[in-house]
Amino acid sequence: MNENSSLVAKVQAVRLFVFDVDGVLTNGHIVFNPEGEAMKLFNAKDGLVLHALASLKIPTAAITGRTSPMVAKRCEELGFAVVMQGERKKGQALERLCKKAAVAPSACAYMGDDVNDLPALRLAGLSACPADAALDVREMADYVSTLKGGEGAARELIEWVLRGQGVWPKVLALFEDANPHSLC
């Protein structure tokens, strides 16, 4: 990492990864089937590394404004520690999450993509967003992914942080004898 010492310290402090869903873990498109159920597309590359975090006992969480059984199912598959749905005030939700998880907000990395994520992004120790995030979010984020939401932005953030912490080799070791498709 060639970043300034403040950013290096923020990366070193991360103990919990928190993600918005629509526009971060998905591309933000919401398609309704004929029965009115919302369908979302998740990225398998994000999933592979998110599942690896669970295997390494590095907690992940989601805070989303919408409520969807699909989100609950995907987050469960990936080993998320907490999924908070229907949360309109994401800063307050992140405060509650941190209190429940006994993790200081300064030890959280939060990735969001729109103005409703700004309070949580300001509270988190490390703020991040996808490349296609709203301008206000991109301007304040510590880390702006080169990838769009739903196209691997979450994975890019996780890999960047874990490389900065020297933990990435542990992720790679998970795949030495494993079928990588079983983790995504």
C-alpha atoms as a PDB file:
ATOM      1  CA  MET A   1       0.000   0.000   0.000  1.00  0.00           C
ATOM      2  CA  ASN A   2       1.396   3.375  -1.011  1.00  0.00           C
ATOM      3  CA  GLU A   3      -1.359   5.376   0.679  1.00  0.00           C
ATOM      4  CA  ASN A   4      -0.845   7.919   3.433  1.00  0.00           C
ATOM      5  CA  SER A   5      -0.347   6.759   7.008  1.00  0.00           C
ATOM      6  CA  SER A   6      -3.904   7.717   8.039  1.00  0.00           C
ATOM      7  CA  LEU A   7      -5.385   5.422   5.390  1.00  0.00           C
ATOM      8  CA  VAL A   8      -2.961   2.635   6.283  1.00  0.00           C
ATOM      9  CA  ALA A   9      -4.083   2.917   9.922  1.00  0.00           C
ATOM     10  CA  LYS A  10      -7.745   2.736   8.854  1.00  0.00           C
ATOM     11  CA  VAL A  11      -7.075  -0.428   6.846  1.00  0.00           C
ATOM     12  CA  GLN A  12      -5.156  -2.019   9.711  1.00  0.00           C
ATOM     13  CA  ALA A  13      -8.049  -1.321  12.095  1.00  0.00           C
ATOM     14  CA  VAL A  14     -10.749  -3.103  10.047  1.00  0.00           C
ATOM     15  CA  ARG A  15     -12.322  -6.022  11.928  1.00  0.00           C
ATOM     16  CA  LEU A  16     -15.830  -5.963  10.418  1.00  0.00           C
ATOM     17  CA  PHE A  17     -16.971  -5.499   6.805  1.00  0.00           C
ATOM     18  CA  VAL A  18     -20.418  -3.939   6.322  1.00  0.00           C
ATOM     19  CA  PHE A  19     -22.148  -3.611   2.950  1.00  0.00           C
ATOM     20  CA  ASP A  20     -25.195  -1.939   1.512  1.00  0.00           C
ATOM     21  CA  VAL A  21     -26.956  -4.358  -0.836  1.00  0.00           C
ATOM     22  CA  ASP A  22     -28.627  -2.621  -3.806  1.00  0.00           C
ATOM     23  CA  GLY A  23     -25.906  -0.930  -5.838  1.00  0.00           C
ATOM     24  CA  VAL A  24     -23.054  -2.575  -3.902  1.00  0.00           C
ATOM     25  CA  LEU A  25     -23.611  -6.340  -3.681  1.00  0.00           C
ATOM     26  CA  THR A  26     -25.957  -6.053  -6.678  1.00  0.00           C
ATOM     27  CA  ASN A  27     -25.891  -3.743  -9.682  1.00  0.00           C
ATOM     28  CA  GLY A  28     -28.886  -1.886  -8.280  1.00  0.00           C
ATOM     29  CA  HIS A  29     -31.350  -3.218 -10.827  1.00  0.00           C
ATOM     30  CA  ILE A  30     -34.533  -4.613  -9.340  1.00  0.00           C
ATOM     31  CA  VAL A  31     -36.627  -6.849 -11.587  1.00  0.00           C
ATOM     32  CA  PHE A  32     -40.075  -8.026 -10.548  1.00  0.00           C
ATOM     33  CA  ASN A  33     -41.376 -11.432 -11.593  1.00  0.00           C
ATOM     34  CA  PRO A  34     -45.074 -11.890 -12.533  1.00  0.00           C
ATOM     35  CA  GLU A  35     -45.910 -12.659  -8.885  1.00  0.00           C
ATOM     36  CA  GLY A  36     -44.410  -9.306  -7.833  1.00  0.00           C
ATOM     37  CA  GLU A  37     -41.323 -10.771  -6.169  1.00  0.00           C
ATOM     38  CA  ALA A  38     -38.194  -8.631  -6.564  1.00  0.00           C
ATOM     39  CA  MET A  39     -35.271 -10.395  -8.231  1.00  0.00           C
ATOM     40  CA  LYS A  40     -31.647  -9.303  -7.727  1.00  0.00           C
ATOM     41  CA  LEU A  41     -28.371 -10.407  -9.282  1.00  0.00           C
ATOM     42  CA  PHE A  42     -25.401 -11.042  -7.015  1.00  0.00           C
ATOM     43  CA  ASN A  43     -21.813 -11.396  -8.217  1.00  0.00           C
ATOM     44  CA  ALA A  44     -20.142 -14.782  -7.673  1.00  0.00           C
ATOM     45  CA  LYS A  45     -16.696 -13.144  -7.389  1.00  0.00           C
ATOM     46  CA  ASP A  46     -17.951 -11.088  -4.452  1.00  0.00           C
ATOM     47  CA  GLY A  47     -19.524 -14.251  -3.057  1.00  0.00           C
ATOM     48  CA  LEU A  48     -16.338 -16.278  -3.221  1.00  0.00           C
ATOM     49  CA  VAL A  49     -14.378 -13.824  -1.091  1.00  0.00           C
ATOM     50  CA  LEU A  50     -17.280 -13.024   1.245  1.00  0.00           C
ATOM     51  CA  HIS A  51     -17.627 -16.737   1.971  1.00  0.00           C
ATOM     52  CA  ALA A  52     -13.866 -16.931   2.514  1.00  0.00           C
ATOM     53  CA  LEU A  53     -14.159 -14.181   5.156  1.00  0.00           C
ATOM     54  CA  ALA A  54     -16.707 -16.291   7.013  1.00  0.00           C
ATOM     55  CA  SER A  55     -14.319 -19.259   6.844  1.00  0.00           C
ATOM     56  CA  LEU A  56     -11.601 -17.068   8.386  1.00  0.00           C
ATOM     57  CA  LYS A  57     -13.989 -15.830  11.108  1.00  0.00           C
ATOM     58  CA  ILE A  58     -13.845 -12.245   9.810  1.00  0.00           C
ATOM     59  CA  PRO A  59     -17.411 -10.991  10.279  1.00  0.00           C
ATOM     60  CA  THR A  60     -19.489  -9.404   7.545  1.00  0.00           C
ATOM     61  CA  ALA A  61     -22.838  -7.655   7.730  1.00  0.00           C
ATOM     62  CA  ALA A  62     -25.382  -6.046   5.436  1.00  0.00           C
ATOM     63  CA  ILE A  63     -27.474  -2.951   6.073  1.00  0.00           C
ATOM     64  CA  THR A  64     -30.134  -2.322   3.456  1.00  0.00           C
ATOM     65  CA  GLY A  65     -33.139  -0.059   3.123  1.00  0.00           C
ATOM     66  CA  ARG A  66     -35.235  -2.665   1.331  1.00  0.00           C
ATOM     67  CA  THR A  67     -36.500  -5.971   2.673  1.00  0.00           C
ATOM     68  CA  SER A  68     -36.098  -9.100   0.568  1.00  0.00           C
ATOM     69  CA  PRO A  69     -36.089 -12.836   1.290  1.00  0.00           C
ATOM     70  CA  MET A  70     -33.561 -13.112  -1.528  1.00  0.00           C
ATOM     71  CA  VAL A  71     -31.100 -10.899   0.376  1.00  0.00           C
ATOM     72  CA  ALA A  72     -31.585 -12.915   3.560  1.00  0.00           C
ATOM     73  CA  LYS A  73     -30.924 -16.158   1.661  1.00  0.00           C
ATOM     74  CA  ARG A  74     -27.819 -14.917  -0.134  1.00  0.00           C
ATOM     75  CA  CYS A  75     -26.325 -13.416   3.014  1.00  0.00           C
ATOM     76  CA  GLU A  76     -27.021 -16.637   4.906  1.00  0.00           C
ATOM     77  CA  GLU A  77     -25.268 -18.641   2.149  1.00  0.00           C
ATOM     78  CA  LEU A  78     -22.257 -16.376   2.457  1.00  0.00           C
ATOM     79  CA  GLY A  79     -22.037 -16.567   6.243  1.00  0.00           C
ATOM     80  CA  PHE A  80     -22.930 -12.968   7.068  1.00  0.00           C
ATOM     81  CA  ALA A  81     -22.964 -12.422  10.828  1.00  0.00           C
ATOM     82  CA  VAL A  82     -25.807  -9.883  10.673  1.00  0.00           C
ATOM     83  CA  VAL A  83     -28.324  -8.783   8.027  1.00  0.00           C
ATOM     84  CA  MET A  84     -30.298  -5.633   8.818  1.00  0.00           C
ATOM     85  CA  GLN A  85     -33.140  -5.048   6.356  1.00  0.00           C
ATOM     86  CA  GLY A  86     -35.658  -2.224   6.111  1.00  0.00           C
ATOM     87  CA  GLU A  87     -33.146   0.221   7.579  1.00  0.00           C
ATOM     88  CA  ARG A  88     -33.796   3.769   6.393  1.00  0.00           C
ATOM     89  CA  LYS A  89     -31.329   5.413   8.812  1.00  0.00           C
ATOM     90  CA  LYS A  90     -28.128   3.577   8.043  1.00  0.00           C
ATOM     91  CA  GLY A  91     -25.901   5.547  10.400  1.00  0.00           C
ATOM     92  CA  GLN A  92     -28.114   4.583  13.336  1.00  0.00           C
ATOM     93  CA  ALA A  93     -28.250   1.010  12.061  1.00  0.00           C
ATOM     94  CA  LEU A  94     -24.442   0.864  11.932  1.00  0.00           C
ATOM     95  CA  GLU A  95     -24.249   2.185  15.505  1.00  0.00           C
ATOM     96  CA  ARG A  96     -26.636  -0.564  16.692  1.00  0.00           C
ATOM     97  CA  LEU A  97     -24.716  -3.187  14.712  1.00  0.00           C
ATOM     98  CA  CYS A  98     -21.396  -2.132  16.214  1.00  0.00           C
ATOM     99  CA  LYS A  99     -22.818  -2.148  19.729  1.00  0.00           C
ATOM    100  CA  LYS A 100     -24.314  -5.626  19.224  1.00  0.00           C
ATOM    101  CA  ALA A 101     -21.082  -6.963  17.663  1.00  0.00           C
ATOM    102  CA  ALA A 102     -18.885  -5.248  20.287  1.00  0.00           C
ATOM    103  CA  VAL A 103     -16.858  -3.623  17.504  1.00  0.00           C
ATOM    104  CA  ALA A 104     -16.041   0.072  17.469  1.00  0.00           C
ATOM    105  CA  PRO A 105     -17.271   1.931  14.363  1.00  0.00           C
ATOM    106  CA  SER A 106     -13.627   2.851  13.750  1.00  0.00           C
ATOM    107  CA  ALA A 107     -12.969  -0.886  13.192  1.00  0.00           C
ATOM    108  CA  CYS A 108     -15.606  -1.141  10.450  1.00  0.00           C
ATOM    109  CA  ALA A 109     -15.239  -0.900   6.699  1.00  0.00           C
ATOM    110  CA  TYR A 110     -18.550   0.245   5.200  1.00  0.00           C
ATOM    111  CA  MET A 111     -19.286   0.173   1.479  1.00  0.00           C
ATOM    112  CA  GLY A 112     -22.277   2.123   0.214  1.00  0.00           C
ATOM    113  CA  ASP A 113     -23.280   3.701  -3.065  1.00  0.00           C
ATOM    114  CA  ASP A 114     -25.860   6.428  -2.521  1.00  0.00           C
ATOM    115  CA  VAL A 115     -26.650   9.448  -0.368  1.00  0.00           C
ATOM    116  CA  ASN A 116     -28.656   7.376   2.129  1.00  0.00           C
ATOM    117  CA  ASP A 117     -25.364   5.623   2.973  1.00  0.00           C
ATOM    118  CA  LEU A 118     -23.539   8.865   3.852  1.00  0.00           C
ATOM    119  CA  PRO A 119     -24.261   8.748   7.622  1.00  0.00           C
ATOM    120  CA  ALA A 120     -22.897   5.187   7.878  1.00  0.00           C
ATOM    121  CA  LEU A 121     -19.931   6.032   5.657  1.00  0.00           C
ATOM    122  CA  ARG A 122     -19.053   8.996   7.895  1.00  0.00           C
ATOM    123  CA  LEU A 123     -19.303   6.818  11.010  1.00  0.00           C
ATOM    124  CA  ALA A 124     -17.204   3.905   9.717  1.00  0.00           C
ATOM    125  CA  GLY A 125     -13.470   3.848  10.208  1.00  0.00           C
ATOM    126  CA  LEU A 126     -12.956   3.028   6.518  1.00  0.00           C
ATOM    127  CA  SER A 127     -15.506   4.286   3.993  1.00  0.00           C
ATOM    128  CA  ALA A 128     -15.725   2.772   0.529  1.00  0.00           C
ATOM    129  CA  CYS A 129     -17.943   2.807  -2.542  1.00  0.00           C
ATOM    130  CA  PRO A 130     -18.256   1.250  -5.993  1.00  0.00           C
ATOM    131  CA  ALA A 131     -17.046   3.171  -9.051  1.00  0.00           C
ATOM    132  CA  ASP A 132     -20.619   4.066 -10.023  1.00  0.00           C
ATOM    133  CA  ALA A 133     -21.626   5.460  -6.628  1.00  0.00           C
ATOM    134  CA  ALA A 134     -23.300   8.853  -6.315  1.00  0.00           C
ATOM    135  CA  LEU A 135     -20.906  11.800  -6.629  1.00  0.00           C
ATOM    136  CA  ASP A 136     -21.298  12.857  -2.973  1.00  0.00           C
ATOM    137  CA  VAL A 137     -20.364   9.345  -1.888  1.00  0.00           C
ATOM    138  CA  ARG A 138     -17.346   9.093  -4.204  1.00  0.00           C
ATOM    139  CA  GLU A 139     -16.068  12.468  -2.990  1.00  0.00           C
ATOM    140  CA  MET A 140     -16.071  11.484   0.682  1.00  0.00           C
ATOM    141  CA  ALA A 141     -15.051   7.817   0.467  1.00  0.00           C
ATOM    142  CA  ASP A 142     -11.619   6.696   1.588  1.00  0.00           C
ATOM    143  CA  TYR A 143     -11.657   4.036  -1.128  1.00  0.00           C
ATOM    144  CA  VAL A 144     -13.411   4.123  -4.494  1.00  0.00           C
ATOM    145  CA  SER A 145     -13.446   0.764  -6.252  1.00  0.00           C
ATOM    146  CA  THR A 146     -12.470   0.570  -9.908  1.00  0.00           C
ATOM    147  CA  LEU A 147     -15.491  -1.726 -10.362  1.00  0.00           C
ATOM    148  CA  LYS A 148     -19.200  -0.960 -10.334  1.00  0.00           C
ATOM    149  CA  GLY A 149     -21.660  -2.248  -7.764  1.00  0.00           C
ATOM    150  CA  GLY A 150     -22.616  -5.864  -8.413  1.00  0.00           C
ATOM    151  CA  GLU A 151     -19.560  -6.313 -10.633  1.00  0.00           C
ATOM    152  CA  GLY A 152     -16.969  -7.217  -7.997  1.00  0.00           C
ATOM    153  CA  ALA A 153     -16.621  -3.937  -6.062  1.00  0.00           C
ATOM    154  CA  ALA A 154     -17.101  -5.665  -2.700  1.00  0.00           C
ATOM    155  CA  ARG A 155     -14.467  -8.253  -3.523  1.00  0.00           C
ATOM    156  CA  GLU A 156     -12.049  -5.544  -4.637  1.00  0.00           C
ATOM    157  CA  LEU A 157     -12.455  -3.737  -1.304  1.00  0.00           C
ATOM    158  CA  ILE A 158     -12.045  -6.916   0.729  1.00  0.00           C
ATOM    159  CA  GLU A 159      -8.967  -7.998  -1.213  1.00  0.00           C
ATOM    160  CA  TRP A 160      -7.423  -4.511  -0.913  1.00  0.00           C
ATOM    161  CA  VAL A 161      -7.964  -4.442   2.864  1.00  0.00           C
ATOM    162  CA  LEU A 162      -6.783  -8.013   3.438  1.00  0.00           C
ATOM    163  CA  ARG A 163      -3.671  -7.465   1.323  1.00  0.00           C
ATOM    164  CA  GLY A 164      -2.987  -4.313   3.341  1.00  0.00           C
ATOM    165  CA  GLN A 165      -3.351  -6.307   6.561  1.00  0.00           C
ATOM    166  CA  GLY A 166      -1.186  -9.156   5.270  1.00  0.00           C
ATOM    167  CA  VAL A 167      -4.130 -11.585   5.559  1.00  0.00           C
ATOM    168  CA  TRP A 168      -4.682 -12.278   1.841  1.00  0.00           C
ATOM    169  CA  PRO A 169      -2.395 -15.374   1.836  1.00  0.00           C
ATOM    170  CA  LYS A 170      -4.826 -16.979   4.331  1.00  0.00           C
ATOM    171  CA  VAL A 171      -7.632 -16.493   1.801  1.00  0.00           C
ATOM    172  CA  LEU A 172      -5.552 -18.095  -0.936  1.00  0.00           C
ATOM    173  CA  ALA A 173      -4.715 -21.016   1.365  1.00  0.00           C
ATOM    174  CA  LEU A 174      -8.433 -21.796   1.656  1.00  0.00           C
ATOM    175  CA  PHE A 175      -8.405 -22.814  -1.992  1.00  0.00           C
ATOM    176  CA  GLU A 176      -5.322 -25.027  -2.005  1.00  0.00           C
ATOM    177  CA  ASP A 177      -7.280 -28.271  -1.704  1.00  0.00           C
ATOM    178  CA  ALA A 178     -10.847 -27.001  -1.948  1.00  0.00           C
ATOM    179  CA  ASN A 179     -13.257 -26.847  -4.829  1.00  0.00           C
ATOM    180  CA  PRO A 180     -13.511 -23.042  -5.243  1.00  0.00           C
ATOM    181  CA  HIS A 181     -17.068 -23.351  -6.601  1.00  0.00           C
ATOM    182  CA  SER A 182     -18.198 -24.702  -3.250  1.00  0.00           C
ATOM    183  CA  LEU A 183     -17.391 -21.338  -1.659  1.00  0.00           C
ATOM    184  CA  CYS A 184     -19.380 -19.033  -3.931  1.00  0.00           C
END
